[in-house]
Amino acid sequence: MGERFIIPDVASRPLEVDPRRMRVASPAPVVETPSFKDVLADTVGEVQRLQTEADTSIRKLVAGEITDVTEAMVAVEKADVSFQTMMAVRNKMVAAYEEIMRMQV
């Protein structure tokens, strides 16, 4: 027969453990997350798409293809908000980089 170990529990009662019956938990499945570079590239691409969409809406408005000014204004505001958000993130990244560069090694 195999070895048996006696492990005292909190109440000091002996507990028999059979090592042959113990199981090792399977590792958690590896979920591949996108890299920071990929996320940043996707975000910049989305901002560019919104800028292009806003430009197209303005051109259509000027050409008379769109009669509803609000449609063009919404596209312009979306592009503006996304650009300002991207610039805020950029400024935070630059500030973090500068802070790291000031650290003493």
Protein backbone atom coordinates (compact mmCIF):
# COMPACT_ATOMS: atom_id res chain seq x y z
CA MET A 1 0.00 0.00 0.00
CA GLY A 2 1.14 3.59 -0.54
CA GLU A 3 2.24 6.09 2.03
CA ARG A 4 -0.34 7.95 4.03
CA PHE A 5 0.24 11.27 5.69
CA ILE A 6 -1.57 12.55 8.73
CA ILE A 7 -2.21 16.29 8.65
CA PRO A 8 -3.70 17.97 11.70
CA ASP A 9 -6.56 20.32 10.88
CA VAL A 10 -7.67 23.42 12.74
CA ALA A 11 -9.57 21.41 15.36
CA SER A 12 -6.46 19.23 15.90
CA ARG A 13 -8.22 16.11 14.66
CA PRO A 14 -5.99 13.96 12.49
CA LEU A 15 -6.93 13.87 8.85
CA GLU A 16 -5.69 11.09 6.61
CA VAL A 17 -4.56 12.12 3.15
CA ASP A 18 -3.80 9.60 0.45
CA PRO A 19 -1.31 11.20 -2.01
CA ARG A 20 -2.52 8.88 -4.81
CA ARG A 21 -5.98 10.45 -4.63
CA MET A 22 -4.75 14.04 -4.69
CA ARG A 23 -5.17 15.91 -7.95
CA VAL A 24 -3.27 18.81 -9.31
CA ALA A 25 -5.56 21.55 -10.49
CA SER A 26 -5.39 22.07 -14.20
CA PRO A 27 -3.95 25.44 -15.15
CA ALA A 28 -6.37 28.15 -16.19
CA PRO A 29 -6.82 28.39 -19.92
CA VAL A 30 -4.49 30.90 -21.50
CA VAL A 31 -6.47 33.75 -22.96
CA GLU A 32 -4.49 35.71 -25.46
CA THR A 33 -4.97 39.42 -24.90
CA PRO A 34 -3.97 42.00 -27.46
CA SER A 35 -0.70 43.80 -26.84
CA PHE A 36 -0.56 47.46 -25.88
CA LYS A 37 0.79 48.23 -29.33
CA ASP A 38 -2.20 46.52 -30.98
CA VAL A 39 -4.70 48.33 -28.77
CA LEU A 40 -3.01 51.65 -29.48
CA ALA A 41 -2.92 51.01 -33.23
CA ASP A 42 -6.61 50.03 -33.24
CA THR A 43 -7.53 53.16 -31.29
CA VAL A 44 -5.59 55.45 -33.63
CA GLY A 45 -7.24 53.70 -36.57
CA GLU A 46 -10.68 54.28 -35.05
CA VAL A 47 -9.91 57.98 -34.52
CA GLN A 48 -8.76 58.21 -38.13
CA ARG A 49 -11.96 56.50 -39.30
CA LEU A 50 -14.09 58.99 -37.36
CA GLN A 51 -12.09 61.92 -38.82
CA THR A 52 -12.64 60.58 -42.33
CA GLU A 53 -16.34 60.08 -41.63
CA ALA A 54 -16.62 63.69 -40.40
CA ASP A 55 -14.82 65.00 -43.50
CA THR A 56 -17.14 63.01 -45.74
CA SER A 57 -20.22 64.34 -43.92
CA ILE A 58 -19.00 67.93 -44.30
CA ARG A 59 -18.32 67.44 -48.01
CA LYS A 60 -21.79 65.95 -48.50
CA LEU A 61 -23.34 68.85 -46.57
CA VAL A 62 -21.53 71.43 -48.70
CA ALA A 63 -22.45 69.57 -51.90
CA GLY A 64 -26.10 69.50 -50.86
CA GLU A 65 -26.27 65.72 -50.61
CA ILE A 66 -27.18 66.00 -46.92
CA THR A 67 -29.89 68.43 -45.91
CA ASP A 68 -29.80 67.58 -42.21
CA VAL A 69 -27.04 69.65 -40.58
CA THR A 70 -27.28 67.65 -37.35
CA GLU A 71 -25.96 64.54 -39.07
CA ALA A 72 -22.78 66.37 -40.07
CA MET A 73 -22.46 68.03 -36.65
CA VAL A 74 -22.76 64.69 -34.84
CA ALA A 75 -20.03 63.20 -37.04
CA VAL A 76 -17.77 66.21 -36.38
CA GLU A 77 -18.36 66.06 -32.62
CA LYS A 78 -17.66 62.31 -32.51
CA ALA A 79 -14.38 62.89 -34.32
CA ASP A 80 -13.51 65.81 -32.02
CA VAL A 81 -14.23 63.89 -28.81
CA SER A 82 -12.27 60.84 -29.98
CA PHE A 83 -9.33 63.03 -31.02
CA GLN A 84 -9.30 64.92 -27.72
CA THR A 85 -9.46 61.62 -25.81
CA MET A 86 -6.57 60.25 -27.84
CA MET A 87 -4.54 63.41 -27.14
CA ALA A 88 -5.27 63.16 -23.40
CA VAL A 89 -4.04 59.55 -23.40
CA ARG A 90 -0.97 60.59 -25.40
CA ASN A 91 -0.20 63.36 -22.90
CA LYS A 92 -0.51 60.91 -19.99
CA MET A 93 1.82 58.47 -21.75
CA VAL A 94 4.40 61.19 -22.38
CA ALA A 95 4.17 62.33 -18.76
CA ALA A 96 4.63 58.73 -17.54
CA TYR A 97 7.64 58.29 -19.85
CA GLU A 98 9.19 61.53 -18.58
CA GLU A 99 8.62 60.40 -14.99
CA ILE A 100 10.34 57.08 -15.69
CA MET A 101 13.27 58.89 -17.30
CA ARG A 102 13.68 61.05 -14.16
CA MET A 103 13.93 57.98 -11.90
CA GLN A 104 17.28 57.25 -10.32
CA VAL A 105 18.57 53.76 -11.00
